């Protein structure tokens, strides 16, 4: 099994309500859930305090068999791309 960072297996897309991160490869869902949980509880330092303050909602779901992380609030694609650049968490890619 290969390990890749979230930024290497996903695409960031702006939505009307914020941003979503679409994972394009088959990854371990528990790993994605852990990233989202860490972010929601402030255990990660990927996002600046300024960006964290703009997020009103964050969760993940499975769409077409692949995880999608939904982030609502006054966040832009660039904010989330920068956060993904800082993220050091690796996912198991199947």
PDB file of N, CA and C in Angstrom:
ATOM      1  N   UNK A   1       0.837  -1.184   0.000  1.00  0.00           N
ATOM      2  CA  UNK A   1       0.000   0.000   0.000  1.00  0.00           C
ATOM      3  C   UNK A   1       0.884   1.251   0.000  1.00  0.00           C
ATOM      4  N   UNK A   2       0.515   2.191  -0.814  1.00  0.00           N
ATOM      5  CA  UNK A   2       1.275   3.423  -0.967  1.00  0.00           C
ATOM      6  C   UNK A   2       0.725   4.492  -0.021  1.00  0.00           C
ATOM      7  N   UNK A   3       1.576   5.427   0.376  1.00  0.00           N
ATOM      8  CA  UNK A   3       1.127   6.538   1.223  1.00  0.00           C
ATOM      9  C   UNK A   3       1.313   7.836   0.460  1.00  0.00           C
ATOM     10  N   UNK A   4       0.263   8.663   0.464  1.00  0.00           N
ATOM     11  CA  UNK A   4       0.325   9.956  -0.223  1.00  0.00           C
ATOM     12  C   UNK A   4      -0.322  11.013   0.652  1.00  0.00           C
ATOM     13  N   UNK A   5       0.091  12.258   0.465  1.00  0.00           N
ATOM     14  CA  UNK A   5      -0.524  13.359   1.193  1.00  0.00           C
ATOM     15  C   UNK A   5      -1.864  13.708   0.544  1.00  0.00           C
ATOM     16  N   UNK A   6      -2.759  14.269   1.337  1.00  0.00           N
ATOM     17  CA  UNK A   6      -4.095  14.619   0.854  1.00  0.00           C
ATOM     18  C   UNK A   6      -4.021  15.504  -0.386  1.00  0.00           C
ATOM     19  N   UNK A   7      -3.093  16.455  -0.402  1.00  0.00           N
ATOM     20  CA  UNK A   7      -2.985  17.375  -1.549  1.00  0.00           C
ATOM     21  C   UNK A   7      -2.626  16.646  -2.842  1.00  0.00           C
ATOM     22  N   UNK A   8      -1.995  15.471  -2.718  1.00  0.00           N
ATOM     23  CA  UNK A   8      -1.579  14.721  -3.904  1.00  0.00           C
ATOM     24  C   UNK A   8      -2.665  13.821  -4.471  1.00  0.00           C
ATOM     25  N   UNK A   9      -3.741  13.620  -3.713  1.00  0.00           N
ATOM     26  CA  UNK A   9      -4.796  12.709  -4.175  1.00  0.00           C
ATOM     27  C   UNK A   9      -6.140  13.417  -4.303  1.00  0.00           C
ATOM     28  N   UNK A  10      -6.123  14.758  -4.213  1.00  0.00           N
ATOM     29  CA  UNK A  10      -7.413  15.456  -4.209  1.00  0.00           C
ATOM     30  C   UNK A  10      -7.395  16.717  -5.062  1.00  0.00           C
ATOM     31  N   UNK A  11      -8.589  17.243  -5.236  1.00  0.00           N
ATOM     32  CA  UNK A  11      -8.797  18.463  -6.001  1.00  0.00           C
ATOM     33  C   UNK A  11      -9.670  19.390  -5.153  1.00  0.00           C
ATOM     34  N   UNK A  12      -9.289  20.669  -5.093  1.00  0.00           N
ATOM     35  CA  UNK A  12     -10.054  21.649  -4.322  1.00  0.00           C
ATOM     36  C   UNK A  12     -10.989  22.384  -5.278  1.00  0.00           C
ATOM     37  N   UNK A  13     -12.275  22.443  -4.904  1.00  0.00           N
ATOM     38  CA  UNK A  13     -13.286  23.069  -5.760  1.00  0.00           C
ATOM     39  C   UNK A  13     -14.078  24.080  -4.940  1.00  0.00           C
ATOM     40  N   UNK A  14     -14.194  25.308  -5.440  1.00  0.00           N
ATOM     41  CA  UNK A  14     -15.011  26.296  -4.741  1.00  0.00           C
ATOM     42  C   UNK A  14     -16.480  25.997  -4.980  1.00  0.00           C
ATOM     43  N   UNK A  15     -17.300  26.185  -3.938  1.00  0.00           N
ATOM     44  CA  UNK A  15     -18.743  25.977  -4.038  1.00  0.00           C
ATOM     45  C   UNK A  15     -19.433  27.275  -3.630  1.00  0.00           C
ATOM     46  N   UNK A  16     -20.740  27.304  -3.733  1.00  0.00           N
ATOM     47  CA  UNK A  16     -21.481  28.502  -3.337  1.00  0.00           C
ATOM     48  C   UNK A  16     -21.341  28.772  -1.849  1.00  0.00           C
ATOM     49  N   UNK A  17     -21.177  27.704  -1.067  1.00  0.00           N
ATOM     50  CA  UNK A  17     -21.139  27.854   0.388  1.00  0.00           C
ATOM     51  C   UNK A  17     -19.737  27.806   0.969  1.00  0.00           C
ATOM     52  N   UNK A  18     -18.730  27.581   0.138  1.00  0.00           N
ATOM     53  CA  UNK A  18     -17.358  27.483   0.627  1.00  0.00           C
ATOM     54  C   UNK A  18     -16.482  26.722  -0.342  1.00  0.00           C
ATOM     55  N   UNK A  19     -15.935  25.608   0.136  1.00  0.00           N
ATOM     56  CA  UNK A  19     -14.987  24.828  -0.664  1.00  0.00           C
ATOM     57  C   UNK A  19     -15.207  23.351  -0.378  1.00  0.00           C
ATOM     58  N   UNK A  20     -14.946  22.510  -1.380  1.00  0.00           N
ATOM     59  CA  UNK A  20     -14.920  21.074  -1.091  1.00  0.00           C
ATOM     60  C   UNK A  20     -13.631  20.493  -1.643  1.00  0.00           C
ATOM     61  N   UNK A  21     -13.158  19.471  -0.939  1.00  0.00           N
ATOM     62  CA  UNK A  21     -11.951  18.767  -1.349  1.00  0.00           C
ATOM     63  C   UNK A  21     -12.411  17.397  -1.817  1.00  0.00           C
ATOM     64  N   UNK A  22     -12.243  17.146  -3.112  1.00  0.00           N
ATOM     65  CA  UNK A  22     -12.668  15.870  -3.689  1.00  0.00           C
ATOM     66  C   UNK A  22     -11.451  14.958  -3.795  1.00  0.00           C
ATOM     67  N   UNK A  23     -11.498  13.822  -3.114  1.00  0.00           N
ATOM     68  CA  UNK A  23     -10.403  12.859  -3.177  1.00  0.00           C
ATOM     69  C   UNK A  23     -10.591  12.032  -4.444  1.00  0.00           C
ATOM     70  N   UNK A  24      -9.555  11.981  -5.276  1.00  0.00           N
ATOM     71  CA  UNK A  24      -9.658  11.346  -6.598  1.00  0.00           C
ATOM     72  C   UNK A  24      -9.168   9.900  -6.628  1.00  0.00           C
ATOM     73  N   UNK A  25      -8.498   9.461  -5.562  1.00  0.00           N
ATOM     74  CA  UNK A  25      -7.991   8.087  -5.538  1.00  0.00           C
ATOM     75  C   UNK A  25      -8.671   7.311  -4.417  1.00  0.00           C
ATOM     76  N   UNK A  26      -8.560   5.986  -4.469  1.00  0.00           N
ATOM     77  CA  UNK A  26      -9.127   5.141  -3.404  1.00  0.00           C
ATOM     78  C   UNK A  26      -8.208   5.203  -2.201  1.00  0.00           C
ATOM     79  N   UNK A  27      -8.713   5.797  -1.125  1.00  0.00           N
ATOM     80  CA  UNK A  27      -7.909   5.937   0.092  1.00  0.00           C
ATOM     81  C   UNK A  27      -8.659   5.342   1.273  1.00  0.00           C
ATOM     82  N   UNK A  28      -7.945   5.173   2.354  1.00  0.00           N
ATOM     83  CA  UNK A  28      -8.521   4.697   3.603  1.00  0.00           C
ATOM     84  C   UNK A  28      -9.436   5.785   4.170  1.00  0.00           C
ATOM     85  N   UNK A  29     -10.740   5.494   4.260  1.00  0.00           N
ATOM     86  CA  UNK A  29     -11.706   6.492   4.756  1.00  0.00           C
ATOM     87  C   UNK A  29     -11.413   6.920   6.190  1.00  0.00           C
ATOM     88  N   UNK A  30     -10.893   5.998   6.997  1.00  0.00           N
ATOM     89  CA  UNK A  30     -10.566   6.353   8.389  1.00  0.00           C
ATOM     90  C   UNK A  30      -9.515   7.451   8.434  1.00  0.00           C
ATOM     91  N   UNK A  31      -8.583   7.416   7.498  1.00  0.00           N
ATOM     92  CA  UNK A  31      -7.538   8.444   7.432  1.00  0.00           C
ATOM     93  C   UNK A  31      -8.126   9.815   7.128  1.00  0.00           C
ATOM     94  N   UNK A  32      -9.089   9.855   6.212  1.00  0.00           N
ATOM     95  CA  UNK A  32      -9.750  11.119   5.868  1.00  0.00           C
ATOM     96  C   UNK A  32     -10.563  11.613   7.055  1.00  0.00           C
ATOM     97  N   UNK A  33     -11.267  10.701   7.710  1.00  0.00           N
ATOM     98  CA  UNK A  33     -12.069  11.061   8.879  1.00  0.00           C
ATOM     99  C   UNK A  33     -11.173  11.647   9.974  1.00  0.00           C
ATOM    100  N   UNK A  34      -9.999  11.045  10.168  1.00  0.00           N
ATOM    101  CA  UNK A  34      -9.056  11.529  11.173  1.00  0.00           C
ATOM    102  C   UNK A  34      -8.576  12.947  10.853  1.00  0.00           C
ATOM    103  N   UNK A  35      -8.290  13.218   9.581  1.00  0.00           N
ATOM    104  CA  UNK A  35      -7.868  14.561   9.171  1.00  0.00           C
ATOM    105  C   UNK A  35      -8.972  15.565   9.489  1.00  0.00           C
ATOM    106  N   UNK A  36     -10.212  15.237   9.129  1.00  0.00           N
ATOM    107  CA  UNK A  36     -11.345  16.144   9.368  1.00  0.00           C
ATOM    108  C   UNK A  36     -11.558  16.344  10.873  1.00  0.00           C
ATOM    109  N   UNK A  37     -11.515  15.249  11.640  1.00  0.00           N
ATOM    110  CA  UNK A  37     -11.694  15.352  13.093  1.00  0.00           C
ATOM    111  C   UNK A  37     -10.613  16.217  13.726  1.00  0.00           C
ATOM    112  N   UNK A  38      -9.358  16.015  13.306  1.00  0.00           N
ATOM    113  CA  UNK A  38      -8.260  16.821  13.840  1.00  0.00           C
ATOM    114  C   UNK A  38      -8.447  18.291  13.513  1.00  0.00           C
ATOM    115  N   UNK A  39      -8.911  18.556  12.324  1.00  0.00           N
ATOM    116  CA  UNK A  39      -9.119  19.934  11.897  1.00  0.00           C
ATOM    117  C   UNK A  39     -10.271  20.573  12.683  1.00  0.00           C
ATOM    118  N   UNK A  40     -11.346  19.825  12.858  1.00  0.00           N
ATOM    119  CA  UNK A  40     -12.520  20.344  13.577  1.00  0.00           C
ATOM    120  C   UNK A  40     -12.216  20.641  15.043  1.00  0.00           C
ATOM    121  N   UNK A  41     -11.324  19.845  15.637  1.00  0.00           N
ATOM    122  CA  UNK A  41     -11.034  20.019  17.057  1.00  0.00           C
ATOM    123  C   UNK A  41      -9.793  20.875  17.297  1.00  0.00           C
ATOM    124  N   UNK A  42      -9.179  21.357  16.215  1.00  0.00           N
ATOM    125  CA  UNK A  42      -8.024  22.239  16.367  1.00  0.00           C
ATOM    126  C   UNK A  42      -6.715  21.517  16.629  1.00  0.00           C
ATOM    127  N   UNK A  43      -6.681  20.200  16.417  1.00  0.00           N
ATOM    128  CA  UNK A  43      -5.449  19.433  16.654  1.00  0.00           C
ATOM    129  C   UNK A  43      -4.434  19.605  15.524  1.00  0.00           C
ATOM    130  N   UNK A  44      -4.865  20.154  14.407  1.00  0.00           N
ATOM    131  CA  UNK A  44      -3.917  20.347  13.309  1.00  0.00           C
ATOM    132  C   UNK A  44      -3.576  21.830  13.215  1.00  0.00           C
ATOM    133  N   UNK A  45      -2.450  22.117  12.615  1.00  0.00           N
ATOM    134  CA  UNK A  45      -2.055  23.529  12.470  1.00  0.00           C
ATOM    135  C   UNK A  45      -1.920  23.900  10.998  1.00  0.00           C
ATOM    136  N   UNK A  46      -2.686  23.196  10.154  1.00  0.00           N
ATOM    137  CA  UNK A  46      -2.612  23.448   8.715  1.00  0.00           C
ATOM    138  C   UNK A  46      -3.205  24.801   8.340  1.00  0.00           C
ATOM    139  N   UNK A  47      -4.316  25.126   8.981  1.00  0.00           N
ATOM    140  CA  UNK A  47      -4.984  26.396   8.687  1.00  0.00           C
ATOM    141  C   UNK A  47      -4.533  27.456   9.676  1.00  0.00           C
ATOM    142  N   UNK A  48      -4.366  28.663   9.178  1.00  0.00           N
ATOM    143  CA  UNK A  48      -4.051  29.778  10.079  1.00  0.00           C
ATOM    144  C   UNK A  48      -5.276  30.060  10.938  1.00  0.00           C
ATOM    145  N   UNK A  49      -5.082  30.746  12.055  1.00  0.00           N
ATOM    146  CA  UNK A  49      -6.206  31.113  12.920  1.00  0.00           C
ATOM    147  C   UNK A  49      -7.224  31.944  12.141  1.00  0.00           C
ATOM    148  N   UNK A  50      -6.721  32.773  11.237  1.00  0.00           N
ATOM    149  CA  UNK A  50      -7.582  33.638  10.416  1.00  0.00           C
ATOM    150  C   UNK A  50      -8.523  32.796   9.549  1.00  0.00           C
ATOM    151  N   UNK A  51      -7.973  31.753   8.913  1.00  0.00           N
ATOM    152  CA  UNK A  51      -8.794  30.886   8.061  1.00  0.00           C
ATOM    153  C   UNK A  51      -9.746  30.058   8.922  1.00  0.00           C
ATOM    154  N   UNK A  52      -9.239  29.512  10.047  1.00  0.00           N
ATOM    155  CA  UNK A  52     -10.100  28.719  10.933  1.00  0.00           C
ATOM    156  C   UNK A  52     -11.323  29.528  11.366  1.00  0.00           C
ATOM    157  N   UNK A  53     -11.127  30.809  11.612  1.00  0.00           N
ATOM    158  CA  UNK A  53     -12.218  31.675  12.065  1.00  0.00           C
ATOM    159  C   UNK A  53     -13.292  31.845  10.987  1.00  0.00           C
ATOM    160  N   UNK A  54     -12.921  31.647   9.717  1.00  0.00           N
ATOM    161  CA  UNK A  54     -13.868  31.813   8.603  1.00  0.00           C
ATOM    162  C   UNK A  54     -14.716  30.557   8.369  1.00  0.00           C
ATOM    163  N   UNK A  55     -14.285  29.422   8.927  1.00  0.00           N
ATOM    164  CA  UNK A  55     -14.971  28.143   8.697  1.00  0.00           C
ATOM    165  C   UNK A  55     -16.160  28.016   9.646  1.00  0.00           C
ATOM    166  N   UNK A  56     -17.340  27.802   9.070  1.00  0.00           N
ATOM    167  CA  UNK A  56     -18.536  27.646   9.902  1.00  0.00           C
ATOM    168  C   UNK A  56     -18.962  26.177  10.010  1.00  0.00           C
ATOM    169  N   UNK A  57     -18.493  25.340   9.073  1.00  0.00           N
ATOM    170  CA  UNK A  57     -18.907  23.935   9.033  1.00  0.00           C
ATOM    171  C   UNK A  57     -17.840  23.129   8.307  1.00  0.00           C
ATOM    172  N   UNK A  58     -17.565  21.941   8.815  1.00  0.00           N
ATOM    173  CA  UNK A  58     -16.644  21.046   8.119  1.00  0.00           C
ATOM    174  C   UNK A  58     -17.064  19.612   8.399  1.00  0.00           C
ATOM    175  N   UNK A  59     -17.148  18.826   7.346  1.00  0.00           N
ATOM    176  CA  UNK A  59     -17.473  17.420   7.518  1.00  0.00           C
ATOM    177  C   UNK A  59     -17.047  16.675   6.260  1.00  0.00           C
ATOM    178  N   UNK A  60     -17.158  15.353   6.321  1.00  0.00           N
ATOM    179  CA  UNK A  60     -16.852  14.609   5.104  1.00  0.00           C
ATOM    180  C   UNK A  60     -17.937  13.577   4.844  1.00  0.00           C
ATOM    181  N   UNK A  61     -18.088  13.260   3.579  1.00  0.00           N
ATOM    182  CA  UNK A  61     -19.078  12.267   3.156  1.00  0.00           C
ATOM    183  C   UNK A  61     -18.452  11.489   2.001  1.00  0.00           C
ATOM    184  N   UNK A  62     -19.121  10.427   1.609  1.00  0.00           N
ATOM    185  CA  UNK A  62     -18.648   9.640   0.473  1.00  0.00           C
ATOM    186  C   UNK A  62     -19.570   9.924  -0.706  1.00  0.00           C
ATOM    187  N   UNK A  63     -18.964  10.300  -1.814  1.00  0.00           N
ATOM    188  CA  UNK A  63     -19.701  10.623  -3.038  1.00  0.00           C
ATOM    189  C   UNK A  63     -19.121   9.762  -4.155  1.00  0.00           C
ATOM    190  N   UNK A  64     -19.935   8.963  -4.805  1.00  0.00           N
ATOM    191  CA  UNK A  64     -19.464   8.066  -5.873  1.00  0.00           C
ATOM    192  C   UNK A  64     -18.299   7.185  -5.404  1.00  0.00           C
ATOM    193  N   UNK A  65     -18.369   6.735  -4.166  1.00  0.00           N
ATOM    194  CA  UNK A  65     -17.352   5.837  -3.642  1.00  0.00           C
ATOM    195  C   UNK A  65     -16.066   6.502  -3.186  1.00  0.00           C
ATOM    196  N   UNK A  66     -15.980   7.824  -3.295  1.00  0.00           N
ATOM    197  CA  UNK A  66     -14.763   8.543  -2.909  1.00  0.00           C
ATOM    198  C   UNK A  66     -15.115   9.602  -1.857  1.00  0.00           C
ATOM    199  N   UNK A  67     -14.206   9.842  -0.896  1.00  0.00           N
ATOM    200  CA  UNK A  67     -14.492  10.840   0.134  1.00  0.00           C
ATOM    201  C   UNK A  67     -14.450  12.268  -0.410  1.00  0.00           C
ATOM    202  N   UNK A  68     -15.339  13.084   0.139  1.00  0.00           N
ATOM    203  CA  UNK A  68     -15.390  14.512  -0.172  1.00  0.00           C
ATOM    204  C   UNK A  68     -15.411  15.246   1.161  1.00  0.00           C
ATOM    205  N   UNK A  69     -14.485  16.191   1.341  1.00  0.00           N
ATOM    206  CA  UNK A  69     -14.468  17.008   2.552  1.00  0.00           C
ATOM    207  C   UNK A  69     -15.144  18.328   2.202  1.00  0.00           C
ATOM    208  N   UNK A  70     -16.201  18.635   2.939  1.00  0.00           N
ATOM    209  CA  UNK A  70     -16.952  19.860   2.680  1.00  0.00           C
ATOM    210  C   UNK A  70     -16.608  20.897   3.748  1.00  0.00           C
ATOM    211  N   UNK A  71     -16.239  22.076   3.309  1.00  0.00           N
ATOM    212  CA  UNK A  71     -15.890  23.161   4.221  1.00  0.00           C
ATOM    213  C   UNK A  71     -16.757  24.356   3.859  1.00  0.00           C
ATOM    214  N   UNK A  72     -17.601  24.770   4.804  1.00  0.00           N
ATOM    215  CA  UNK A  72     -18.486  25.915   4.548  1.00  0.00           C
ATOM    216  C   UNK A  72     -17.987  27.116   5.331  1.00  0.00           C
ATOM    217  N   UNK A  73     -18.246  28.278   4.769  1.00  0.00           N
ATOM    218  CA  UNK A  73     -17.841  29.515   5.419  1.00  0.00           C
ATOM    219  C   UNK A  73     -17.249  30.458   4.396  1.00  0.00           C
ATOM    220  N   UNK A  74     -16.616  31.501   4.885  1.00  0.00           N
ATOM    221  CA  UNK A  74     -16.043  32.528   4.020  1.00  0.00           C
ATOM    222  C   UNK A  74     -14.623  32.131   3.621  1.00  0.00           C
ATOM    223  N   UNK A  75     -14.472  30.915   3.100  1.00  0.00           N
ATOM    224  CA  UNK A  75     -13.149  30.415   2.714  1.00  0.00           C
ATOM    225  C   UNK A  75     -13.052  30.316   1.201  1.00  0.00           C
ATOM    226  N   UNK A  76     -11.848  30.508   0.716  1.00  0.00           N
ATOM    227  CA  UNK A  76     -11.591  30.453  -0.718  1.00  0.00           C
ATOM    228  C   UNK A  76     -10.725  29.239  -1.036  1.00  0.00           C
ATOM    229  N   UNK A  77     -10.728  28.893  -2.288  1.00  0.00           N
ATOM    230  CA  UNK A  77      -9.924  27.763  -2.769  1.00  0.00           C
ATOM    231  C   UNK A  77      -8.463  27.928  -2.349  1.00  0.00           C
ATOM    232  N   UNK A  78      -7.933  29.137  -2.484  1.00  0.00           N
ATOM    233  CA  UNK A  78      -6.524  29.397  -2.165  1.00  0.00           C
ATOM    234  C   UNK A  78      -6.219  29.147  -0.683  1.00  0.00           C
ATOM    235  N   UNK A  79      -7.161  29.517   0.210  1.00  0.00           N
ATOM    236  CA  UNK A  79      -6.976  29.272   1.655  1.00  0.00           C
ATOM    237  C   UNK A  79      -6.766  27.785   1.916  1.00  0.00           C
ATOM    238  N   UNK A  80      -7.604  26.986   1.265  1.00  0.00           N
ATOM    239  CA  UNK A  80      -7.573  25.540   1.503  1.00  0.00           C
ATOM    240  C   UNK A  80      -6.368  24.905   0.825  1.00  0.00           C
ATOM    241  N   UNK A  81      -5.996  25.397  -0.347  1.00  0.00           N
ATOM    242  CA  UNK A  81      -4.780  24.889  -1.010  1.00  0.00           C
ATOM    243  C   UNK A  81      -3.556  25.102  -0.119  1.00  0.00           C
ATOM    244  N   UNK A  82      -3.470  26.280   0.493  1.00  0.00           N
ATOM    245  CA  UNK A  82      -2.341  26.569   1.385  1.00  0.00           C
ATOM    246  C   UNK A  82      -2.345  25.636   2.590  1.00  0.00           C
ATOM    247  N   UNK A  83      -3.531  25.369   3.131  1.00  0.00           N
ATOM    248  CA  UNK A  83      -3.641  24.449   4.270  1.00  0.00           C
ATOM    249  C   UNK A  83      -3.181  23.049   3.865  1.00  0.00           C
ATOM    250  N   UNK A  84      -3.565  22.605   2.668  1.00  0.00           N
ATOM    251  CA  UNK A  84      -3.166  21.273   2.193  1.00  0.00           C
ATOM    252  C   UNK A  84      -1.651  21.193   1.988  1.00  0.00           C
ATOM    253  N   UNK A  85      -1.040  22.306   1.569  1.00  0.00           N
ATOM    254  CA  UNK A  85       0.416  22.338   1.399  1.00  0.00           C
ATOM    255  C   UNK A  85       1.117  22.087   2.730  1.00  0.00           C
ATOM    256  N   UNK A  86       0.547  22.612   3.815  1.00  0.00           N
ATOM    257  CA  UNK A  86       1.156  22.477   5.146  1.00  0.00           C
ATOM    258  C   UNK A  86       0.890  21.115   5.778  1.00  0.00           C
ATOM    259  N   UNK A  87      -0.174  20.461   5.342  1.00  0.00           N
ATOM    260  CA  UNK A  87      -0.573  19.187   5.949  1.00  0.00           C
ATOM    261  C   UNK A  87       0.499  18.111   5.736  1.00  0.00           C
ATOM    262  N   UNK A  88       0.923  17.493   6.817  1.00  0.00           N
ATOM    263  CA  UNK A  88       1.939  16.442   6.727  1.00  0.00           C
ATOM    264  C   UNK A  88       1.352  15.046   6.900  1.00  0.00           C
ATOM    265  N   UNK A  89       0.030  14.955   7.032  1.00  0.00           N
ATOM    266  CA  UNK A  89      -0.646  13.668   7.255  1.00  0.00           C
ATOM    267  C   UNK A  89      -0.677  12.875   5.944  1.00  0.00           C
ATOM    268  N   UNK A  90      -0.318  11.599   6.055  1.00  0.00           N
ATOM    269  CA  UNK A  90      -0.340  10.723   4.884  1.00  0.00           C
ATOM    270  C   UNK A  90      -1.537   9.788   4.942  1.00  0.00           C
ATOM    271  N   UNK A  91      -2.082   9.492   3.786  1.00  0.00           N
ATOM    272  CA  UNK A  91      -3.202   8.553   3.649  1.00  0.00           C
ATOM    273  C   UNK A  91      -2.715   7.290   2.975  1.00  0.00           C
ATOM    274  N   UNK A  92      -3.322   6.154   3.339  1.00  0.00           N
ATOM    275  CA  UNK A  92      -3.040   4.901   2.655  1.00  0.00           C
ATOM    276  C   UNK A  92      -3.834   4.871   1.360  1.00  0.00           C
ATOM    277  N   UNK A  93      -3.141   4.778   0.245  1.00  0.00           N
ATOM    278  CA  UNK A  93      -3.799   4.732  -1.067  1.00  0.00           C
ATOM    279  C   UNK A  93      -3.841   3.279  -1.513  1.00  0.00           C
ATOM    280  N   UNK A  94      -5.049   2.834  -1.891  1.00  0.00           N
ATOM    281  CA  UNK A  94      -5.234   1.417  -2.278  1.00  0.00           C
ATOM    282  C   UNK A  94      -4.878   1.203  -3.726  1.00  0.00           C
TER     283      UNK A  94
END
